[in-house]
Protein backbone atom coordinates (compact mmCIF):
# COMPACT_ATOMS: atom_id res chain seq x y z
CA MET A 1 22.24 45.29 61.55
CA LYS A 2 24.56 46.52 58.76
CA PHE A 3 27.35 47.00 61.30
CA ASN A 4 26.90 43.42 62.58
CA PHE A 5 26.99 42.11 59.01
CA PHE A 6 30.16 44.12 58.31
CA LEU A 7 31.77 42.89 61.54
CA LYS A 8 30.98 39.24 60.79
CA THR A 9 32.32 39.63 57.23
CA LEU A 10 35.50 41.24 58.56
CA ILE A 11 36.02 38.45 61.09
CA VAL A 12 35.50 35.76 58.44
CA GLY A 13 37.89 37.53 56.08
CA ILE A 14 40.60 37.84 58.72
CA SER A 15 40.11 34.15 59.64
CA ILE A 16 40.57 33.12 56.02
CA VAL A 17 43.77 35.15 55.73
CA ILE A 18 45.13 33.71 58.97
CA PHE A 19 44.19 30.15 57.95
CA ALA A 20 45.77 30.58 54.53
CA SER A 21 48.93 31.94 56.11
CA CYS A 22 49.11 29.05 58.56
CA ASP A 23 48.42 26.56 55.78
CA ARG A 24 51.17 28.12 53.65
CA ASP A 25 53.61 27.98 56.54
CA PHE A 26 52.70 24.36 57.24
CA ASN A 27 53.17 23.32 53.63
CA GLU A 28 56.46 25.18 53.33
CA LEU A 29 57.68 23.52 56.49
CA GLY A 30 56.33 20.12 55.55
CA SER A 31 57.44 19.60 52.00
CA GLY A 32 59.47 22.49 50.68
CA ILE A 33 59.10 23.43 47.03
CA LEU A 34 58.17 20.60 44.70
CA GLY A 35 59.74 20.65 41.25
CA ASP A 36 62.51 22.95 40.04
CA GLU A 37 60.59 26.20 39.67
CA HIS A 38 62.17 28.98 41.73
CA TYR A 39 60.71 32.07 40.13
CA GLY A 40 61.67 35.33 41.78
CA MET A 41 64.05 33.70 44.24
CA ASP A 42 67.69 34.40 44.83
CA VAL A 43 70.15 31.50 44.90
CA SER A 44 73.51 31.01 46.57
CA ASN A 45 75.92 28.06 46.43
CA TYR A 46 78.20 27.06 49.27
CA GLY A 47 81.01 24.58 49.41
CA VAL A 48 80.94 21.77 51.95
CA ASN A 49 83.77 19.76 53.42
CA ALA A 50 83.47 15.99 52.86
CA TYR A 51 85.87 13.11 53.44
CA ASN A 52 85.92 9.32 53.73
CA GLN A 53 85.74 6.94 56.65
CA LEU A 54 86.33 3.19 56.44
CA LEU A 55 84.14 1.11 58.75
CA GLY A 56 85.58 -2.34 59.31
CA PRO A 57 83.43 -5.16 60.76
CA VAL A 58 79.86 -4.20 61.62
CA GLN A 59 77.19 -5.70 63.86
CA THR A 60 75.07 -8.10 61.83
CA ASN A 61 72.99 -10.10 64.29
CA ASN A 62 69.21 -9.96 63.94
CA LEU A 63 69.21 -7.69 60.89
CA PRO A 64 65.80 -7.03 59.31
CA VAL A 65 67.17 -8.13 55.92
CA ASN A 66 70.27 -10.17 55.13
CA GLN A 67 72.76 -10.36 52.29
CA PHE A 68 73.08 -13.86 50.90
CA GLY A 69 75.25 -15.13 48.07
CA TYR A 70 78.58 -14.69 46.32
CA TYR A 71 79.14 -11.74 44.00
CA ASN A 72 82.08 -10.12 42.26
CA ASN A 73 81.48 -6.38 42.00
CA SER A 74 83.55 -5.03 39.11
CA VAL A 75 84.65 -2.05 41.23
CA PHE A 76 84.51 -3.05 44.91
CA GLY A 77 85.59 -6.69 44.64
CA LYS A 78 84.13 -9.95 45.88
CA THR A 79 81.52 -10.41 48.58
CA LYS A 80 80.68 -13.75 50.15
CA ALA A 81 77.62 -13.51 52.39
CA SER A 82 76.59 -16.48 54.53
CA PHE A 83 73.92 -16.76 57.20
CA VAL A 84 73.29 -18.49 60.54
CA SER A 85 69.92 -18.78 62.24
CA GLN A 86 68.20 -20.51 65.08
CA LEU A 87 65.03 -22.49 64.39
CA GLY A 88 61.81 -22.48 66.38
CA LEU A 89 59.07 -25.08 66.69
CA ALA A 90 55.83 -23.71 65.22
CA VAL A 91 54.00 -25.89 67.76
CA ALA A 92 55.88 -26.74 70.94
CA ASN A 93 56.14 -30.23 72.38
CA PRO A 94 54.92 -32.25 69.36
CA THR A 95 53.99 -35.87 70.04
CA PHE A 96 55.15 -38.82 67.94
CA TYR A 97 53.02 -41.85 68.78
CA ASP A 98 55.18 -44.52 67.18
CA PRO A 99 58.67 -42.97 66.73
CA THR A 100 60.34 -46.19 65.62
CA ASN A 101 57.95 -46.63 62.71
CA VAL A 102 57.53 -42.97 61.77
CA VAL A 103 58.35 -42.49 58.09
CA VAL A 104 59.70 -39.06 57.16
CA ASP A 105 58.59 -38.59 53.56
CA SER A 106 60.30 -35.28 52.90
CA VAL A 107 61.80 -32.21 54.51
CA TYR A 108 62.04 -28.99 52.58
CA LEU A 109 63.18 -25.47 53.33
CA TYR A 110 61.45 -22.51 51.70
CA VAL A 111 62.45 -18.83 51.90
CA PRO A 112 60.61 -16.45 49.53
CA TYR A 113 62.55 -13.85 47.56
CA TYR A 114 61.52 -10.24 47.25
CA SER A 115 59.40 -10.35 44.10
CA THR A 116 56.56 -8.61 42.28
CA PHE A 117 53.62 -10.52 40.84
CA VAL A 118 53.16 -9.90 37.10
CA SER A 119 50.34 -12.09 35.79
CA THR A 120 48.63 -15.51 35.82
CA ASP A 121 47.92 -17.55 32.70
CA ASP A 122 45.04 -19.90 31.85
CA ASN A 123 46.86 -22.80 33.55
CA SER A 124 46.98 -20.89 36.85
CA ASP A 125 50.75 -20.47 36.48
CA SER A 126 52.00 -17.07 37.62
CA THR A 127 55.00 -15.03 36.57
CA TYR A 128 57.04 -12.73 38.78
CA GLU A 129 59.87 -10.23 38.63
CA LEU A 130 62.58 -10.51 41.28
CA ASP A 131 63.80 -7.57 43.33
CA SER A 132 67.08 -6.94 45.19
CA ILE A 133 69.10 -9.63 43.42
CA HIS A 134 72.42 -8.79 41.80
CA GLY A 135 73.97 -11.07 39.23
CA THR A 136 72.56 -14.14 37.51
CA ASP A 137 75.36 -16.70 37.81
CA LYS A 138 75.54 -19.82 39.96
CA ILE A 139 76.76 -20.06 43.55
CA LYS A 140 77.49 -22.94 45.91
CA VAL A 141 75.11 -23.27 48.86
CA GLY A 142 75.50 -25.69 51.72
CA VAL A 143 73.00 -25.99 54.57
CA TYR A 144 74.46 -27.53 57.72
CA GLU A 145 73.51 -28.04 61.32
CA SER A 146 75.00 -25.20 63.33
CA THR A 147 76.69 -26.23 66.57
CA THR A 148 77.32 -22.69 67.82
CA VAL A 149 75.07 -21.24 70.50
CA LEU A 150 73.63 -17.86 69.53
CA GLU A 151 73.17 -15.99 72.78
CA SER A 152 70.58 -13.26 73.31
CA LEU A 153 72.40 -11.55 76.20
CA ASP A 154 76.09 -10.83 76.67
CA ALA A 155 77.58 -12.88 79.52
CA SER A 156 80.52 -10.44 79.82
CA THR A 157 78.09 -7.72 80.97
CA GLY A 158 76.39 -9.95 83.52
CA PHE A 159 73.64 -10.59 80.96
CA GLN A 160 72.63 -6.93 81.19
CA GLN A 161 73.22 -6.04 77.52
CA ILE A 162 72.25 -7.52 74.18
CA GLN A 163 74.84 -9.87 72.72
CA LYS A 164 76.49 -8.42 69.61
CA TYR A 165 77.82 -10.53 66.74
CA TYR A 166 79.92 -9.01 63.98
CA SER A 167 80.26 -9.56 60.25
CA ASP A 168 83.84 -10.93 60.36
CA LYS A 169 83.10 -14.09 62.38
CA GLN A 170 82.65 -16.59 59.56
CA ILE A 171 85.82 -18.38 60.60
CA ASP A 172 84.14 -19.29 63.92
CA TYR A 173 81.33 -21.08 62.11
CA ASN A 174 83.56 -22.70 59.49
CA THR A 175 85.27 -24.67 62.26
CA SER A 176 82.13 -25.85 64.05
CA TYR A 177 79.24 -27.06 61.95
CA GLY A 178 77.72 -30.29 60.71
CA ALA A 179 78.73 -32.26 63.79
CA ASN A 180 75.89 -34.76 63.23
CA GLY A 181 76.19 -35.06 59.48
CA GLY A 182 77.28 -33.39 56.28
CA ARG A 183 75.47 -31.08 53.97
CA LEU A 184 71.71 -31.33 54.46
CA ASN A 185 70.68 -30.03 51.02
CA ASN A 186 72.06 -33.09 49.27
CA ASP A 187 69.24 -33.69 46.77
CA ASN A 188 70.32 -34.06 43.13
CA LYS A 189 66.96 -33.29 41.52
CA SER A 190 65.63 -30.07 40.08
CA VAL A 191 62.83 -28.46 42.09
CA TYR A 192 61.25 -27.29 38.80
CA ASP A 193 61.49 -30.51 36.77
CA HIS A 194 61.75 -33.64 38.89
CA THR A 195 62.51 -35.76 35.84
CA ILE A 196 65.98 -34.22 35.74
CA THR A 197 68.53 -36.17 37.78
CA ASN A 198 72.15 -35.39 38.65
CA ASP A 199 71.05 -31.79 38.92
CA LYS A 200 73.08 -29.46 41.16
CA SER A 201 70.69 -26.51 41.35
CA GLN A 202 69.92 -27.15 45.04
CA ASN A 203 73.54 -27.00 46.15
CA ASP A 204 76.70 -26.74 44.01
CA GLU A 205 75.07 -24.74 41.21
CA PHE A 206 72.33 -22.79 42.95
CA VAL A 207 70.65 -19.86 41.17
CA PHE A 208 68.06 -17.31 42.29
CA ASP A 209 65.26 -18.38 39.96
CA LYS A 210 62.21 -16.22 39.24
CA ARG A 211 59.96 -19.13 38.29
CA GLN A 212 56.91 -19.96 40.36
CA ILE A 213 57.41 -23.05 42.51
CA LYS A 214 54.94 -25.88 42.09
CA ILE A 215 54.58 -28.76 44.54
CA TYR A 216 52.90 -31.82 43.04
CA LYS A 217 50.66 -34.44 44.57
CA LYS A 218 52.05 -37.97 44.79
CA ASN A 219 50.67 -40.77 42.65
CA ALA A 220 48.31 -43.33 44.18
CA ASP A 221 51.18 -45.78 44.66
CA GLY A 222 53.19 -43.19 46.60
CA THR A 223 55.66 -42.41 43.84
CA PRO A 224 56.41 -38.77 42.92
CA GLY A 225 53.80 -37.23 40.68
CA PHE A 226 54.23 -34.45 38.15
CA THR A 227 50.66 -33.84 37.00
CA ASP A 228 48.42 -32.54 39.80
CA VAL A 229 49.67 -29.42 41.56
CA SER A 230 48.91 -29.38 45.27
CA GLU A 231 50.50 -26.01 46.06
CA ARG A 232 52.02 -23.03 44.30
CA LYS A 233 54.56 -20.72 45.89
CA ALA A 234 56.05 -17.39 44.90
CA PRO A 235 59.70 -17.59 43.75
CA GLY A 236 62.03 -18.50 46.57
CA MET A 237 64.77 -20.75 47.83
CA LEU A 238 63.35 -24.26 47.92
CA LEU A 239 65.77 -26.93 49.14
CA ASN A 240 65.05 -30.55 49.94
CA LEU A 241 66.83 -31.49 53.17
CA ASP A 242 68.10 -34.82 54.46
CA THR A 243 65.19 -36.85 55.86
CA ALA A 244 67.35 -39.23 57.92
CA PHE A 245 68.94 -36.30 59.76
CA PHE A 246 65.57 -34.80 60.70
CA LYS A 247 64.10 -38.10 61.81
CA ASP A 248 67.05 -38.57 64.13
CA LYS A 249 67.06 -34.94 65.32
CA ILE A 250 63.33 -34.37 65.70
CA VAL A 251 61.42 -37.64 65.82
CA ASN A 252 64.05 -39.41 67.92
CA ALA A 253 64.90 -36.40 70.09
CA PRO A 254 65.66 -37.23 73.74
CA ALA A 255 62.79 -36.74 76.15
CA GLY A 256 62.07 -33.10 76.96
CA LYS A 257 64.19 -31.57 74.15
CA LEU A 258 61.10 -30.44 72.23
CA TYR A 259 59.22 -29.21 75.29
CA ASN A 260 59.50 -25.52 74.40
CA ASN A 261 61.63 -23.34 72.18
CA ASN A 262 64.03 -22.28 74.91
CA VAL A 263 65.00 -25.91 75.42
CA PHE A 264 64.80 -26.75 71.73
CA LYS A 265 67.12 -23.93 70.60
CA ASN A 266 69.83 -25.14 72.93
CA TYR A 267 69.37 -28.71 71.70
CA PHE A 268 69.10 -27.94 67.95
CA ARG A 269 71.15 -24.77 67.66
CA GLY A 270 70.10 -23.87 64.15
CA LEU A 271 71.22 -23.94 60.54
CA TYR A 272 74.33 -22.56 58.88
CA PHE A 273 73.80 -21.45 55.27
CA LYS A 274 77.35 -21.53 53.94
CA VAL A 275 78.04 -19.81 50.63
CA ASP A 276 81.03 -20.28 48.33
CA ALA A 277 81.89 -19.66 44.73
CA SER A 278 80.53 -22.33 42.41
CA SER A 279 82.97 -24.13 40.13
CA ALA A 280 80.45 -23.41 37.37
CA SER A 281 80.99 -19.63 37.76
CA ALA A 282 83.99 -19.20 40.03
CA ASN A 283 84.58 -15.52 39.24
CA GLN A 284 81.08 -14.09 39.39
CA GLY A 285 78.01 -15.55 41.12
CA SER A 286 74.98 -13.66 42.39
CA LEU A 287 73.80 -12.11 45.64
CA ALA A 288 70.33 -11.42 47.02
CA MET A 289 68.73 -9.46 49.80
CA MET A 290 66.58 -11.92 51.75
CA ASN A 291 64.29 -11.89 54.74
CA PHE A 292 64.97 -15.32 56.21
CA GLY A 293 62.41 -14.57 58.89
CA ASN A 294 59.73 -15.45 56.33
CA GLY A 295 61.28 -18.88 55.86
CA VAL A 296 60.19 -22.25 57.20
CA VAL A 297 61.41 -25.85 57.29
CA THR A 298 58.55 -28.29 56.72
CA MET A 299 58.79 -31.96 57.66
CA ILE A 300 56.16 -34.26 56.13
CA TYR A 301 55.83 -37.63 57.82
CA HIS A 302 53.47 -40.53 58.53
CA ASP A 303 52.58 -41.58 62.08
CA LYS A 304 49.72 -43.12 64.03
CA THR A 305 46.68 -40.90 64.38
CA SER A 306 46.79 -40.91 68.19
CA ALA A 307 47.71 -43.00 71.20
CA THR A 308 44.43 -44.91 70.81
CA ASP A 309 44.09 -44.91 67.01
CA ALA A 310 46.73 -46.91 65.11
CA THR A 311 45.64 -45.62 61.72
CA VAL A 312 48.72 -44.18 59.99
CA ILE A 313 48.12 -40.74 58.50
CA ARG A 314 50.09 -37.95 56.86
CA LYS A 315 51.24 -35.18 59.20
CA THR A 316 53.42 -32.07 59.03
CA LEU A 317 55.75 -30.35 61.46
CA SER A 318 57.05 -26.82 60.85
CA LEU A 319 60.26 -25.22 62.06
CA ASN A 320 60.31 -21.47 61.64
CA ILE A 321 63.56 -19.72 60.77
CA SER A 322 63.33 -17.51 63.82
CA GLY A 323 65.28 -16.41 66.85
CA ASN A 324 68.83 -15.07 66.78
CA THR A 325 70.60 -14.72 63.44
CA VAL A 326 74.00 -13.58 62.16
CA ASN A 327 74.96 -12.38 58.68
CA LEU A 328 78.57 -13.32 57.91
CA LEU A 329 80.35 -11.11 55.36
CA ASP A 330 83.64 -11.87 53.69
CA ASN A 331 84.47 -8.82 51.56
CA GLU A 332 87.50 -7.78 49.54
CA ASN A 333 86.43 -4.12 49.83
CA ILE A 334 88.53 -2.64 47.06
CA PHE A 335 88.38 1.16 46.81
CA PRO A 336 90.05 2.23 43.52
CA GLY A 337 92.08 5.40 43.89
CA TYR A 338 91.43 5.59 47.63
CA THR A 339 93.84 7.82 49.56
CA THR A 340 94.20 8.70 53.22
CA PRO A 341 91.16 10.84 54.11
CA ASN A 342 91.80 14.58 54.41
CA PRO A 343 89.42 16.10 56.99
CA ILE A 344 90.88 19.60 56.47
CA THR A 345 90.57 20.11 52.71
CA GLY A 346 88.16 17.27 51.95
CA ASP A 347 88.62 14.31 49.62
CA SER A 348 88.44 14.27 45.83
CA ASN A 349 86.24 11.17 45.78
CA LEU A 350 83.81 9.78 48.32
CA TYR A 351 83.43 6.01 48.59
CA LEU A 352 80.09 4.81 49.92
CA LYS A 353 79.94 1.03 50.33
CA GLY A 354 77.37 -0.99 52.23
CA GLY A 355 78.05 -3.78 54.70
CA ASP A 356 81.45 -3.46 56.33
CA GLY A 357 82.48 -0.89 53.75
CA SER A 358 82.76 2.89 54.00
CA MET A 359 80.88 6.15 54.47
CA ALA A 360 81.47 9.88 54.07
CA ILE A 361 81.54 12.59 56.74
CA ILE A 362 80.21 16.01 55.83
CA ASP A 363 80.59 19.44 57.44
CA LEU A 364 78.36 22.34 56.37
CA PHE A 365 79.61 25.92 56.70
CA ASN A 366 83.16 24.78 57.57
CA GLY A 367 81.85 22.87 60.55
CA GLU A 368 81.75 26.04 62.62
CA LYS A 369 79.40 26.46 65.55
CA ASN A 370 76.13 28.02 64.59
CA SER A 371 76.53 31.18 66.67
CA ASP A 372 80.07 31.82 65.37
CA ASN A 373 79.35 31.23 61.70
CA LEU A 374 79.65 34.37 59.57
CA THR A 375 77.58 32.95 56.72
CA LEU A 376 74.68 32.01 58.97
CA ASN A 377 74.88 35.32 60.82
CA THR A 378 74.66 37.17 57.49
CA MET A 379 71.55 35.19 56.59
CA ARG A 380 70.01 36.15 59.93
CA THR A 381 70.95 39.82 59.65
CA ASP A 382 69.50 40.02 56.14
CA LYS A 383 66.42 38.07 57.27
CA TRP A 384 66.61 35.37 54.65
CA LEU A 385 63.51 33.26 54.09
CA ILE A 386 64.80 29.82 53.07
CA ASN A 387 62.61 28.44 50.28
CA GLU A 388 64.69 25.37 49.44
CA ALA A 389 68.08 23.95 50.36
CA SER A 390 69.67 20.87 48.86
CA ILE A 391 72.97 19.10 48.38
CA THR A 392 73.74 17.46 45.04
CA PHE A 393 76.28 14.65 44.75
CA HIS A 394 77.67 13.74 41.32
CA VAL A 395 78.60 10.15 40.53
CA ASN A 396 82.19 9.70 39.35
CA THR A 397 81.18 7.67 36.32
CA THR A 398 84.82 7.29 35.25
CA LEU A 399 85.83 5.42 38.41
CA LEU A 400 82.54 3.63 38.89
CA GLY A 401 82.33 2.44 35.30
CA THR A 402 79.25 1.02 33.62
CA THR A 403 78.94 -2.50 35.03
CA ALA A 404 78.92 -2.15 38.83
CA PRO A 405 75.29 -1.98 40.12
CA GLU A 406 74.47 1.35 41.73
CA PRO A 407 72.65 1.75 45.05
CA ASN A 408 69.26 3.29 44.40
CA ARG A 409 69.52 5.66 47.34
CA ILE A 410 71.87 7.42 49.75
CA PHE A 411 71.01 8.67 53.22
CA LEU A 412 72.21 11.81 55.02
CA TYR A 413 71.88 11.87 58.79
CA ASP A 414 72.92 13.63 62.00
CA LEU A 415 76.18 11.87 62.85
CA LYS A 416 76.47 13.35 66.33
CA ASN A 417 72.99 12.42 67.55
CA LYS A 418 72.61 9.25 65.45
CA ARG A 419 69.30 10.22 63.89
CA PRO A 420 67.79 11.46 60.59
CA LEU A 421 67.54 15.16 59.82
CA VAL A 422 64.33 17.07 60.52
CA ASP A 423 63.47 16.93 56.79
CA TYR A 424 63.26 13.16 57.01
CA TYR A 425 60.70 13.27 59.82
CA ILE A 426 58.57 15.98 58.19
CA ASP A 427 58.40 14.29 54.79
CA ALA A 428 55.34 11.99 54.83
CA THR A 429 55.32 11.21 51.11
CA THR A 430 54.86 7.56 50.15
CA ARG A 431 55.08 5.29 47.13
CA ALA A 432 53.89 1.75 46.36
CA SER A 433 57.38 0.52 47.19
CA THR A 434 58.59 1.79 50.57
CA LYS A 435 62.07 2.17 49.06
CA TYR A 436 60.78 5.33 47.40
CA ASN A 437 59.02 6.81 50.43
CA LYS A 438 60.08 10.31 51.49
CA PHE A 439 60.84 11.21 47.90
CA VAL A 440 60.75 14.95 48.65
CA HIS A 441 63.67 14.54 51.06
CA ASP A 442 65.02 12.47 48.17
CA GLY A 443 68.50 10.91 47.99
CA LEU A 444 67.34 8.75 45.05
CA LEU A 445 69.61 7.92 42.13
CA ARG A 446 68.77 10.08 39.12
CA LYS A 447 69.67 10.13 35.45
CA ALA A 448 71.10 13.12 33.62
CA ASP A 449 67.56 14.24 32.73
CA GLY A 450 66.62 14.33 36.42
CA ASN A 451 64.33 11.29 36.35
CA ILE A 452 64.70 8.52 38.93
CA VAL A 453 66.60 5.45 37.78
CA VAL A 454 64.35 2.40 37.67
CA GLN A 455 66.13 -0.19 39.79
CA SER A 456 65.14 -3.17 37.65
CA SER A 457 66.49 -1.55 34.48
CA ASP A 458 69.98 -1.21 33.05
CA GLU A 459 69.85 2.58 33.34
CA ARG A 460 72.80 4.38 34.91
CA GLY A 461 72.59 7.32 37.27
CA THR A 462 74.60 10.52 37.42
CA THR A 463 73.47 12.32 40.59
CA TYR A 464 71.91 12.03 44.02
CA LYS A 465 70.13 15.06 45.47
CA ILE A 466 69.08 15.45 49.10
CA LYS A 467 66.82 18.28 50.25
CA ILE A 468 67.64 19.70 53.68
CA THR A 469 65.45 22.80 53.60
CA ASN A 470 64.17 22.58 57.15
CA HIS A 471 67.58 21.68 58.54
CA ILE A 472 68.98 24.92 57.09
CA ARG A 473 65.94 26.90 58.24
CA ASN A 474 66.59 25.77 61.78
CA LEU A 475 70.24 26.85 61.57
CA VAL A 476 69.21 30.28 60.29
CA ASN A 477 66.20 30.89 62.52
CA PHE A 478 67.52 29.48 65.79
CA LYS A 479 70.99 30.51 66.93
CA ASP A 480 71.04 27.69 69.46
CA SER A 481 70.46 25.05 66.75
CA THR A 482 73.69 23.08 66.37
CA ASN A 483 75.51 22.87 63.06
CA VAL A 484 76.09 19.16 63.52
CA ARG A 485 78.43 16.97 61.52
CA LEU A 486 76.59 14.79 58.99
CA GLY A 487 77.09 11.20 57.87
CA LEU A 488 76.42 9.91 54.35
CA VAL A 489 75.80 6.22 53.59
CA VAL A 490 74.09 3.99 51.05
CA THR A 491 70.74 2.67 52.18
CA GLU A 492 68.65 -0.36 51.31
CA GLY A 493 65.45 0.94 52.90
CA ILE A 494 64.71 4.55 53.80
CA THR A 495 62.33 3.46 56.57
CA GLN A 496 65.12 1.62 58.44
CA ILE A 497 66.62 4.25 60.76
CA SER A 498 67.79 2.20 63.73
CA ASN A 499 71.52 2.05 64.49
CA PHE A 500 73.84 -0.92 65.00
CA TYR A 501 77.37 -1.05 66.37
CA LEU A 502 80.73 -0.80 64.65
CA LYS A 503 83.24 -3.31 66.00
CA SER A 504 85.93 -0.59 66.11
CA PRO A 505 84.60 2.93 66.83
CA TYR A 506 86.33 5.83 65.11
CA THR A 507 86.94 9.45 66.13
CA THR A 508 86.62 12.48 63.84
CA SER A 509 88.11 15.87 64.62
CA VAL A 510 88.20 18.94 62.38
CA SER A 511 89.29 22.50 63.13
CA GLY A 512 86.31 24.44 64.37
CA ALA A 513 84.31 21.36 65.36
CA ASN A 514 84.34 19.13 68.40
CA SER A 515 85.64 15.58 68.16
CA ILE A 516 83.04 12.85 67.86
CA GLU A 517 83.49 9.18 68.68
CA THR A 518 81.25 7.18 66.40
CA LYS A 519 80.16 3.76 67.64
CA PHE A 520 77.01 3.32 65.57
CA MET A 521 75.84 3.38 61.97
CA PRO A 522 72.41 3.19 60.30
CA VAL A 523 71.50 -0.49 59.97
CA ALA A 524 70.14 0.17 56.46
CA SER A 525 73.72 0.61 55.28
CA PHE A 526 74.81 -2.73 56.77
CA ILE A 527 72.24 -4.68 54.77
CA ASN A 528 73.08 -3.10 51.40
CA PRO A 529 75.85 -4.86 49.43
CA LEU A 530 76.28 -2.11 46.85
CA GLY A 531 78.59 0.86 46.58
CA THR A 532 79.13 4.05 44.63
CA ILE A 533 81.85 6.65 44.09
CA LEU A 534 80.90 10.32 44.30
CA TYR A 535 82.90 13.41 43.50
CA GLY A 536 84.03 15.06 46.74
CA SER A 537 84.72 18.56 47.96
CA ASN A 538 88.48 18.93 47.35
CA SER A 539 89.53 21.88 45.16
CA SER A 540 90.94 19.41 42.62
CA VAL A 541 87.38 18.39 41.67
CA PRO A 542 85.95 20.30 38.68
CA ASP A 543 83.59 23.00 39.87
CA ASP A 544 80.55 21.53 38.09
CA LYS A 545 81.09 18.16 39.83
CA ARG A 546 82.08 19.37 43.28
CA ILE A 547 79.62 18.94 46.16
CA LYS A 548 77.67 22.11 46.80
CA LEU A 549 74.97 23.24 49.13
CA GLN A 550 72.45 25.21 47.09
CA ILE A 551 70.02 27.56 48.82
CA TYR A 552 67.06 29.35 47.23
CA TYR A 553 65.84 32.25 49.34
CA THR A 554 63.98 35.53 49.38
CA LYS A 555 64.71 38.67 51.38
CA PRO A 556 62.20 41.24 52.59
CA ASP A 557 62.00 44.45 50.56
């Protein structure tokens, strides 16, 4: 009996030890070491080779988020971001019973901004804070009928591949729009105070306003009312559109043109949101990140109830901003102090700019193959246990200055295989805002005290740090794991990891590493209008600012 008790106790004890060991291994593999405590560990720093790569035009059709506006970045120059989209009938084949006598009361377009609810007062009015908007000055917005067909499949490939549209094609749309009329957002009233006339806030002097939108009920005599609120909307772009155009285009559409959305999208090819500098703020403006896919055009009209009931009633018809889209970018892309990239010795400064801007290319351990690398072989021979590995990038605050908005995050990825590093996949950490997910893998902008910069504040950052612990572990533990070349870009959303095309692929080749032709880039970089300047790896960079790979490790006794 005693022996059985001893045996059971021994088995339980061994199981606990094994479980604890497995749990420790899992946690080490899954999240690395949280915080900056590295007691009892050795540390080594290694230089990396990093240099610039300009991108040129990028694929911008059907992006998950679009740049929209006009903005003068004090460092990287002016960006003008316009947008083209197809429209889709919310309900196909609508019936108008008395088209000649249909009265279109109003047509309005609404696209919500990214915003955060703050509070609601006793009058049921809510306040919000806007997100992903840069600048506060006015811009000029024109909404026109687009006459360009946005294809889904590429005819040059026998309709076997997806059609690609690039960011530099604004000139194509500037020469073919508004065939059936001029600017559709021609209203001269404020959407916030209808008593104001000769107001240009819906077109020539548009601003991204954080106020809640209130739609009022009409008075009994049909005149506009400003007392009873019928609907409240979160802050967004609200534009009144030309009613005569939509009656002609929708109500009086030729037979069969509204039958389904395939037919409709060829008949009404969409809207062109054309952005220019406003004369009210010609040298500045503002630019937002917007999801036009959440937008809708609403037509309110009066028509007979049915074919057998002549009673005239109020009706609505909705056109979703859906289907194929293109983001059109007109950028100056100034890179102060930029020189021809030096893949051999690395560049002094790295320019990361979203959209059709620039990226950095990074080689660890001189870019040498894993099996031939003396540093990695030494780690293997000495049986290093990698506790944490990270790369820290220092912002060149002198070149970047204090007024250019900083991207809140940068993203390091496997350039050869067009995918995130293993640390990205393992990190399951989340935050209320998805922009801060995977915060162990990091890449977030940080202040000198190490705290994350709050994006809505005026705080400035000094560093970005990216943990690549498991990537380095794989290089040390598995000789067949490839020491791949890495790409570094700004990112608007860490969860966006799909890749889109570059219009002109580029080839990189460094001694000790195979050449790579790069045709793709992370789409999250294309949708981010911001840029930053980081100190590089060239020997001319002060040692305390130069990019370094830092590894904390322990060795067996």
